[in-house]
Amino acid sequence: MLPKVILHIGCSLDGRIDWLKPDNFIYYRVIQGWKVDAMISGSRTFLAAEMSDHPDIKKLSDQYLVVVDSKGRINNWEIIKRQAYWNDTPIVLCSDATPKAYVDRLNDLQIHSLIHGIDHVDLAAALEDLHEIFGIEVLRTDSGGILAGVLLRENLVDEVSIVYSPQLTGGQSPKSIFVAPDLKSFSEVIDLKLLEYQVIDDNYFHLRYKVI
């Protein structure tokens, strides 16, 4: 059985997820009250994330942190484990191509590792393990467009939650909310059904859809 996956992402009105102006934490405010067991991110997101190095960080959540890191790129796990927004036992999704030394280091740090797939992580199999082994029933994304694109293309997303910022960014190399190969037919278009919408702080829109 697979957990319910909610793709939660913030973007400009033209769909860019970079160059977003400060939004007074609207992106996180809208998820207050959601019953979520884990948050999933890609390694690129964590390589770019800012982490607190304060010696005494109080935990604010007991949800799991799940990171897709088949290449073994992340090396600051001691700091990541201490952050406030998840429990201190992260889960790293790996593949057969993940360096053995990296998996061994995760084990030494008491970090869970799940190995599925040959060259890349088999997300469907990994998500099934997240449910069966760790009891994760609802999973929220906090990632860029690449992981979102894989999840969407593999039909693993149940709901899409988007916070639209009141800005137009433009550019010739936009970072999109959905990065994936171009479609070959209309049959591959992902249809959505609107579940909820609201205006926040006068200018921001939060839209929530069910994936049909």
Protein backbone atom coordinates (compact mmCIF):
# COMPACT_ATOMS: atom_id res chain seq x y z
CA MET A 1 0.00 0.00 0.00
CA LEU A 2 1.25 3.48 -0.87
CA PRO A 3 0.98 6.54 1.36
CA LYS A 4 -1.05 9.53 0.28
CA VAL A 5 1.30 12.04 -1.38
CA ILE A 6 0.56 15.76 -1.32
CA LEU A 7 2.65 17.83 -3.68
CA HIS A 8 2.98 21.20 -1.90
CA ILE A 9 4.87 23.94 -3.69
CA GLY A 10 5.11 27.72 -3.95
CA CYS A 11 5.62 29.62 -7.20
CA SER A 12 5.15 32.89 -9.05
CA LEU A 13 2.09 33.41 -11.23
CA ASP A 14 4.13 32.25 -14.23
CA GLY A 15 5.15 29.03 -12.48
CA ARG A 16 8.70 29.80 -11.36
CA ILE A 17 9.86 28.50 -7.99
CA ASP A 18 13.00 30.67 -7.82
CA TRP A 19 13.30 34.41 -7.12
CA LEU A 20 10.27 34.28 -4.85
CA LYS A 21 9.95 37.29 -2.58
CA PRO A 22 9.38 36.74 1.18
CA ASP A 23 5.76 35.71 1.78
CA ASN A 24 5.49 36.01 5.57
CA PHE A 25 5.66 32.20 5.84
CA ILE A 26 2.42 31.67 3.89
CA TYR A 27 3.90 28.55 2.28
CA TYR A 28 4.13 26.95 5.73
CA ARG A 29 1.13 28.65 7.30
CA VAL A 30 -1.31 26.95 4.93
CA ILE A 31 -0.18 23.50 6.03
CA GLN A 32 -0.74 24.12 9.73
CA GLY A 33 -3.21 21.53 10.93
CA TRP A 34 -2.45 19.03 8.19
CA LYS A 35 -1.97 15.52 9.54
CA VAL A 36 1.30 14.61 7.84
CA ASP A 37 3.61 11.77 8.86
CA ALA A 38 6.63 12.69 6.75
CA MET A 39 8.14 15.27 4.42
CA ILE A 40 10.04 14.21 1.29
CA SER A 41 12.73 16.22 -0.49
CA GLY A 42 15.37 15.71 -3.13
CA SER A 43 19.09 15.94 -2.49
CA ARG A 44 19.37 19.18 -4.51
CA THR A 45 16.90 20.87 -2.19
CA PHE A 46 18.94 19.88 0.86
CA LEU A 47 22.26 20.83 -0.67
CA ALA A 48 20.87 24.35 -1.13
CA ALA A 49 19.02 24.55 2.21
CA GLU A 50 20.18 26.69 5.10
CA MET A 51 20.58 24.83 8.38
CA SER A 52 20.80 26.20 11.89
CA ASP A 53 24.01 25.32 13.75
CA HIS A 54 22.63 26.45 17.12
CA PRO A 55 23.76 23.97 19.80
CA ASP A 56 20.32 23.73 21.45
CA ILE A 57 17.50 23.29 18.92
CA LYS A 58 14.07 22.37 20.24
CA LYS A 59 12.16 19.84 18.17
CA LEU A 60 8.87 21.25 16.82
CA SER A 61 7.69 18.16 14.96
CA ASP A 62 8.02 14.38 15.19
CA GLN A 63 7.43 13.78 11.48
CA TYR A 64 9.96 11.82 9.46
CA LEU A 65 12.30 13.50 7.01
CA VAL A 66 12.65 11.50 3.79
CA VAL A 67 15.38 12.45 1.32
CA VAL A 68 16.02 10.98 -2.13
CA ASP A 69 19.81 10.76 -2.45
CA SER A 70 20.81 7.97 -4.81
CA LYS A 71 24.20 9.54 -5.55
CA GLY A 72 25.17 9.97 -1.89
CA ARG A 73 25.65 13.72 -2.19
CA ILE A 74 24.65 14.92 1.28
CA ASN A 75 27.39 15.01 3.90
CA ASN A 76 26.03 17.18 6.72
CA TRP A 77 23.65 14.68 8.29
CA GLU A 78 24.74 15.45 11.85
CA ILE A 79 23.38 19.00 11.43
CA ILE A 80 20.29 17.89 9.48
CA LYS A 81 19.27 15.46 12.23
CA ARG A 82 19.26 18.25 14.81
CA GLN A 83 16.89 20.58 12.97
CA ALA A 84 13.54 21.42 14.55
CA TYR A 85 11.16 20.38 11.79
CA TRP A 86 11.47 16.58 11.86
CA ASN A 87 12.49 13.79 14.20
CA ASP A 88 16.13 12.73 14.59
CA THR A 89 15.88 9.54 12.50
CA PRO A 90 15.78 10.57 8.82
CA ILE A 91 15.09 8.10 6.03
CA VAL A 92 17.29 8.21 2.93
CA LEU A 93 16.08 6.63 -0.31
CA CYS A 94 18.94 5.02 -2.23
CA SER A 95 19.46 2.71 -5.22
CA ASP A 96 21.88 -0.06 -6.17
CA ALA A 97 24.08 2.71 -7.63
CA THR A 98 24.46 4.48 -4.29
CA PRO A 99 28.07 4.21 -3.03
CA LYS A 100 28.32 1.50 -0.38
CA ALA A 101 30.49 3.76 1.78
CA TYR A 102 27.65 6.29 1.86
CA VAL A 103 25.09 3.68 2.97
CA ASP A 104 27.52 2.45 5.62
CA ARG A 105 27.95 5.99 6.92
CA LEU A 106 24.17 6.42 7.14
CA ASN A 107 23.99 3.25 9.22
CA ASP A 108 26.78 4.52 11.50
CA LEU A 109 24.78 7.73 12.03
CA GLN A 110 21.62 5.70 12.83
CA ILE A 111 19.90 7.01 9.72
CA HIS A 112 17.51 4.66 7.96
CA SER A 113 18.28 3.76 4.36
CA LEU A 114 15.96 2.09 1.86
CA ILE A 115 17.47 0.70 -1.34
CA HIS A 116 15.20 0.36 -4.36
CA GLY A 117 16.01 0.65 -8.04
CA ILE A 118 19.12 0.13 -10.16
CA ASP A 119 20.49 3.48 -11.41
CA HIS A 120 17.84 5.67 -9.78
CA VAL A 121 15.49 5.27 -6.85
CA ASP A 122 12.36 3.27 -7.61
CA LEU A 123 10.03 5.69 -5.86
CA ALA A 124 6.93 3.51 -6.01
CA ALA A 125 8.71 0.64 -4.22
CA ALA A 126 10.33 3.04 -1.75
CA LEU A 127 7.01 4.70 -0.91
CA GLU A 128 5.46 1.30 -0.28
CA ASP A 129 8.23 0.54 2.21
CA LEU A 130 7.69 3.91 3.90
CA HIS A 131 4.13 2.82 4.57
CA GLU A 132 4.81 -0.81 5.48
CA ILE A 133 7.93 -0.31 7.62
CA PHE A 134 7.46 3.15 9.14
CA GLY A 135 3.68 3.47 9.12
CA ILE A 136 3.76 6.64 6.99
CA GLU A 137 0.26 7.26 5.69
CA VAL A 138 0.52 10.88 4.49
CA LEU A 139 3.62 12.30 2.83
CA ARG A 140 4.14 15.96 1.90
CA THR A 141 6.72 17.18 -0.58
CA ASP A 142 9.05 20.09 0.09
CA SER A 143 11.19 20.01 -3.01
CA GLY A 144 12.00 21.45 -6.40
CA GLY A 145 10.49 20.61 -9.75
CA ILE A 146 12.67 17.58 -10.52
CA LEU A 147 11.36 15.36 -7.72
CA ALA A 148 7.86 16.75 -8.29
CA GLY A 149 8.16 15.80 -11.96
CA VAL A 150 9.16 12.22 -11.19
CA LEU A 151 6.36 11.77 -8.68
CA LEU A 152 3.79 13.21 -11.09
CA ARG A 153 4.99 11.27 -14.14
CA GLU A 154 4.93 8.03 -12.13
CA ASN A 155 1.35 8.72 -10.94
CA LEU A 156 2.36 8.80 -7.29
CA VAL A 157 0.75 12.14 -6.36
CA ASP A 158 -2.75 12.23 -4.87
CA GLU A 159 -3.14 15.97 -4.27
CA VAL A 160 -1.48 19.15 -5.52
CA SER A 161 -1.25 22.20 -3.24
CA ILE A 162 0.09 25.43 -4.77
CA VAL A 163 0.73 28.82 -3.16
CA TYR A 164 0.84 31.47 -5.89
CA SER A 165 2.86 34.60 -5.14
CA PRO A 166 1.69 37.92 -6.65
CA GLN A 167 4.64 38.33 -8.99
CA LEU A 168 5.76 37.63 -12.55
CA THR A 169 9.36 36.51 -12.82
CA GLY A 170 10.02 35.51 -16.42
CA GLY A 171 13.38 34.37 -17.75
CA GLN A 172 14.71 31.98 -20.37
CA SER A 173 15.72 29.16 -18.03
CA PRO A 174 12.91 29.02 -15.50
CA LYS A 175 12.87 26.65 -12.57
CA SER A 176 9.41 25.18 -12.95
CA ILE A 177 7.13 23.48 -10.46
CA PHE A 178 7.05 20.45 -12.79
CA VAL A 179 10.26 19.37 -14.52
CA ALA A 180 9.92 16.34 -16.81
CA PRO A 181 10.36 15.29 -20.45
CA ASP A 182 7.94 16.84 -22.93
CA LEU A 183 4.70 15.00 -23.55
CA LYS A 184 4.08 12.89 -26.63
CA SER A 185 0.29 12.74 -26.41
CA PHE A 186 -2.67 14.30 -24.61
CA SER A 187 -3.21 11.01 -22.79
CA GLU A 188 -0.25 11.90 -20.59
CA VAL A 189 -1.76 15.19 -19.37
CA ILE A 190 -2.52 15.06 -15.64
CA ASP A 191 -6.08 16.21 -14.95
CA LEU A 192 -6.99 17.88 -11.66
CA LYS A 193 -10.17 18.55 -9.70
CA LEU A 194 -10.32 21.67 -7.54
CA LEU A 195 -10.84 20.86 -3.85
CA GLU A 196 -10.18 24.18 -2.13
CA TYR A 197 -9.08 27.74 -2.79
CA GLN A 198 -8.45 30.77 -0.63
CA VAL A 199 -6.98 34.25 -0.79
CA ILE A 200 -4.33 34.90 1.87
CA ASP A 201 -2.98 38.29 2.93
CA ASP A 202 -4.98 39.94 0.10
CA ASN A 203 -2.66 38.96 -2.75
CA TYR A 204 -1.66 35.30 -2.38
CA PHE A 205 -3.71 32.38 -3.70
CA HIS A 206 -3.68 28.89 -2.24
CA LEU A 207 -5.17 26.26 -4.53
CA ARG A 208 -5.59 22.60 -3.65
CA TYR A 209 -6.44 19.96 -6.22
CA LYS A 210 -7.12 16.24 -6.35
CA VAL A 211 -5.24 14.32 -9.02
CA ILE A 212 -7.80 12.50 -11.16
